[in-house]
Amino acid sequence: MKIKEVFILEEAFDDLNEGKVFYDLQETGVGEYFWDCLVADMESLIVYAGIHSKKFGLFQMFSMRFPCYLL
């Protein structure tokens, strides 16, 4: 299976930005690490396309390092 595109709803993008701010408030630089980890997880969807469970007809993947999930 080949992934043609990965899309992020505007609301989800806003949540990810809020997560970045939250983690930066905990310690400088952690927000950037949070963002980088999530981008890497999203990029891995291309490599591991189709092996994830589905929710609402979309493949779902949990983030490897932070407690959130990607649909």
N, C-alpha and C. Protein backbone atom coordinates (compact mmCIF):
# COMPACT_ATOMS: atom_id res chain seq x y z
N MET A 1 0.85 -1.17 0.00
CA MET A 1 0.00 0.00 0.00
C MET A 1 0.89 1.24 0.00
N LYS A 2 0.54 2.21 -0.77
CA LYS A 2 1.32 3.44 -0.84
C LYS A 2 0.47 4.61 -0.36
N ILE A 3 1.02 5.38 0.55
CA ILE A 3 0.34 6.57 1.06
C ILE A 3 0.52 7.68 0.04
N LYS A 4 -0.58 8.28 -0.36
CA LYS A 4 -0.51 9.39 -1.30
C LYS A 4 -0.32 10.71 -0.59
N GLU A 5 -0.94 10.83 0.58
CA GLU A 5 -0.80 12.07 1.33
C GLU A 5 -1.14 11.84 2.79
N VAL A 6 -0.57 12.65 3.63
CA VAL A 6 -0.89 12.69 5.04
C VAL A 6 -1.47 14.07 5.28
N PHE A 7 -2.65 14.11 5.87
CA PHE A 7 -3.25 15.42 6.10
C PHE A 7 -3.53 15.62 7.58
N ILE A 8 -3.49 16.86 7.98
CA ILE A 8 -3.72 17.24 9.37
C ILE A 8 -4.84 18.27 9.37
N LEU A 9 -5.89 17.97 10.11
CA LEU A 9 -6.97 18.94 10.23
C LEU A 9 -6.45 20.21 10.90
N GLU A 10 -7.05 21.32 10.57
CA GLU A 10 -6.64 22.60 11.16
C GLU A 10 -6.70 22.53 12.69
N GLU A 11 -7.75 21.89 13.20
CA GLU A 11 -7.90 21.76 14.65
C GLU A 11 -6.76 20.94 15.25
N ALA A 12 -6.37 19.89 14.55
CA ALA A 12 -5.27 19.05 15.03
C ALA A 12 -3.95 19.82 14.99
N PHE A 13 -3.75 20.59 13.91
CA PHE A 13 -2.54 21.41 13.81
C PHE A 13 -2.47 22.40 14.97
N ASP A 14 -3.62 23.00 15.29
CA ASP A 14 -3.68 23.92 16.43
C ASP A 14 -3.33 23.20 17.73
N ASP A 15 -3.85 21.98 17.90
CA ASP A 15 -3.53 21.19 19.10
C ASP A 15 -2.04 20.89 19.19
N LEU A 16 -1.43 20.56 18.05
CA LEU A 16 0.00 20.27 18.04
C LEU A 16 0.81 21.51 18.41
N ASN A 17 0.40 22.66 17.90
CA ASN A 17 1.07 23.91 18.27
C ASN A 17 0.92 24.21 19.75
N GLU A 18 -0.27 23.96 20.29
CA GLU A 18 -0.48 24.16 21.73
C GLU A 18 0.40 23.20 22.53
N GLY A 19 0.54 21.97 22.04
CA GLY A 19 1.42 21.01 22.70
C GLY A 19 2.86 21.49 22.70
N LYS A 20 3.30 22.06 21.59
CA LYS A 20 4.66 22.59 21.50
C LYS A 20 4.87 23.69 22.53
N VAL A 21 3.90 24.60 22.63
CA VAL A 21 3.99 25.69 23.61
C VAL A 21 4.00 25.12 25.03
N PHE A 22 3.11 24.17 25.29
CA PHE A 22 3.04 23.55 26.61
C PHE A 22 4.40 22.96 27.02
N TYR A 23 5.00 22.17 26.13
CA TYR A 23 6.27 21.54 26.47
C TYR A 23 7.40 22.54 26.58
N ASP A 24 7.37 23.61 25.80
CA ASP A 24 8.39 24.64 25.94
C ASP A 24 8.26 25.37 27.28
N LEU A 25 7.05 25.49 27.80
CA LEU A 25 6.87 26.10 29.11
C LEU A 25 7.42 25.21 30.22
N GLN A 26 7.46 23.91 29.98
CA GLN A 26 8.01 22.98 30.97
C GLN A 26 9.53 23.11 31.03
N GLU A 27 10.13 23.18 29.82
CA GLU A 27 11.58 23.35 29.72
C GLU A 27 11.91 23.78 28.30
N THR A 28 12.73 24.79 28.17
CA THR A 28 13.09 25.32 26.87
C THR A 28 13.67 24.22 25.97
N GLY A 29 13.16 24.15 24.76
CA GLY A 29 13.65 23.18 23.78
C GLY A 29 12.83 21.91 23.70
N VAL A 30 12.07 21.60 24.74
CA VAL A 30 11.29 20.36 24.73
C VAL A 30 10.15 20.47 23.70
N GLY A 31 9.61 21.67 23.54
CA GLY A 31 8.55 21.87 22.55
C GLY A 31 9.04 21.59 21.14
N GLU A 32 10.24 22.01 20.85
CA GLU A 32 10.81 21.73 19.52
C GLU A 32 11.05 20.23 19.35
N TYR A 33 11.50 19.57 20.41
CA TYR A 33 11.69 18.12 20.38
C TYR A 33 10.35 17.42 20.15
N PHE A 34 9.31 17.89 20.85
CA PHE A 34 7.95 17.37 20.67
C PHE A 34 7.54 17.47 19.21
N TRP A 35 7.73 18.64 18.63
CA TRP A 35 7.34 18.88 17.23
C TRP A 35 8.13 17.96 16.29
N ASP A 36 9.45 17.89 16.49
CA ASP A 36 10.29 17.05 15.65
C ASP A 36 9.89 15.58 15.73
N CYS A 37 9.55 15.10 16.94
CA CYS A 37 9.12 13.71 17.11
C CYS A 37 7.83 13.44 16.36
N LEU A 38 6.88 14.37 16.44
CA LEU A 38 5.61 14.17 15.75
C LEU A 38 5.78 14.21 14.24
N VAL A 39 6.62 15.09 13.74
CA VAL A 39 6.88 15.13 12.30
C VAL A 39 7.52 13.82 11.85
N ALA A 40 8.47 13.32 12.62
CA ALA A 40 9.11 12.03 12.29
C ALA A 40 8.08 10.90 12.30
N ASP A 41 7.17 10.92 13.29
CA ASP A 41 6.12 9.90 13.33
C ASP A 41 5.24 9.99 12.09
N MET A 42 4.87 11.20 11.69
CA MET A 42 4.03 11.37 10.50
C MET A 42 4.76 10.92 9.24
N GLU A 43 6.05 11.21 9.15
CA GLU A 43 6.82 10.78 7.99
C GLU A 43 6.92 9.25 7.94
N SER A 44 6.92 8.61 9.10
CA SER A 44 7.00 7.15 9.13
C SER A 44 5.73 6.50 8.58
N LEU A 45 4.64 7.26 8.52
CA LEU A 45 3.41 6.71 7.93
C LEU A 45 3.64 6.28 6.49
N ILE A 46 4.54 6.96 5.81
CA ILE A 46 4.85 6.61 4.42
C ILE A 46 5.52 5.24 4.36
N VAL A 47 6.42 4.99 5.31
CA VAL A 47 7.16 3.72 5.33
C VAL A 47 6.27 2.57 5.78
N TYR A 48 5.46 2.81 6.80
CA TYR A 48 4.66 1.74 7.40
C TYR A 48 3.19 1.81 7.00
N ALA A 49 2.92 2.31 5.84
CA ALA A 49 1.54 2.51 5.37
C ALA A 49 0.72 1.23 5.43
N GLY A 50 -0.46 1.34 6.03
CA GLY A 50 -1.41 0.24 6.02
C GLY A 50 -1.30 -0.77 7.14
N ILE A 51 -0.32 -0.65 8.03
CA ILE A 51 -0.19 -1.65 9.09
C ILE A 51 -0.89 -1.22 10.38
N HIS A 52 -1.41 0.01 10.40
CA HIS A 52 -2.03 0.55 11.60
C HIS A 52 -3.51 0.22 11.65
N SER A 53 -4.06 0.30 12.85
CA SER A 53 -5.50 0.09 12.98
C SER A 53 -6.23 1.29 12.37
N LYS A 54 -7.50 1.08 12.05
CA LYS A 54 -8.29 2.15 11.46
C LYS A 54 -9.30 2.68 12.47
N LYS A 55 -9.53 3.98 12.39
CA LYS A 55 -10.56 4.63 13.18
C LYS A 55 -11.22 5.64 12.28
N PHE A 56 -12.53 5.59 12.19
CA PHE A 56 -13.29 6.47 11.30
C PHE A 56 -12.83 6.35 9.85
N GLY A 57 -12.38 5.15 9.47
CA GLY A 57 -11.95 4.90 8.10
C GLY A 57 -10.56 5.40 7.77
N LEU A 58 -9.85 5.90 8.78
CA LEU A 58 -8.49 6.41 8.58
C LEU A 58 -7.52 5.59 9.43
N PHE A 59 -6.29 5.45 8.96
CA PHE A 59 -5.29 4.75 9.74
C PHE A 59 -4.88 5.60 10.93
N GLN A 60 -4.70 4.94 12.06
CA GLN A 60 -4.35 5.62 13.30
C GLN A 60 -2.99 5.15 13.76
N MET A 61 -2.18 6.09 14.24
CA MET A 61 -0.88 5.74 14.76
C MET A 61 -0.63 6.56 16.02
N PHE A 62 -0.19 5.90 17.06
CA PHE A 62 0.14 6.61 18.29
C PHE A 62 1.56 7.15 18.20
N SER A 63 1.77 8.31 18.77
CA SER A 63 3.10 8.91 18.80
C SER A 63 4.01 8.01 19.63
N MET A 64 5.27 7.91 19.22
CA MET A 64 6.21 7.03 19.92
C MET A 64 6.70 7.63 21.25
N ARG A 65 6.83 8.95 21.33
CA ARG A 65 7.45 9.56 22.51
C ARG A 65 6.51 10.41 23.37
N PHE A 66 5.42 10.86 22.81
CA PHE A 66 4.53 11.76 23.55
C PHE A 66 3.12 11.19 23.57
N PRO A 67 2.37 11.48 24.66
CA PRO A 67 1.04 10.87 24.83
C PRO A 67 -0.05 11.53 23.97
N CYS A 68 0.03 11.34 22.68
CA CYS A 68 -1.02 11.79 21.78
C CYS A 68 -1.07 10.80 20.61
N TYR A 69 -2.09 10.85 19.83
CA TYR A 69 -2.17 9.93 18.70
C TYR A 69 -2.46 10.67 17.42
N LEU A 70 -2.09 10.05 16.32
CA LEU A 70 -2.26 10.61 14.99
C LEU A 70 -3.27 9.78 14.24
N LEU A 71 -4.22 10.43 13.63
CA LEU A 71 -5.21 9.73 12.82
C LEU A 71 -4.88 9.94 11.37
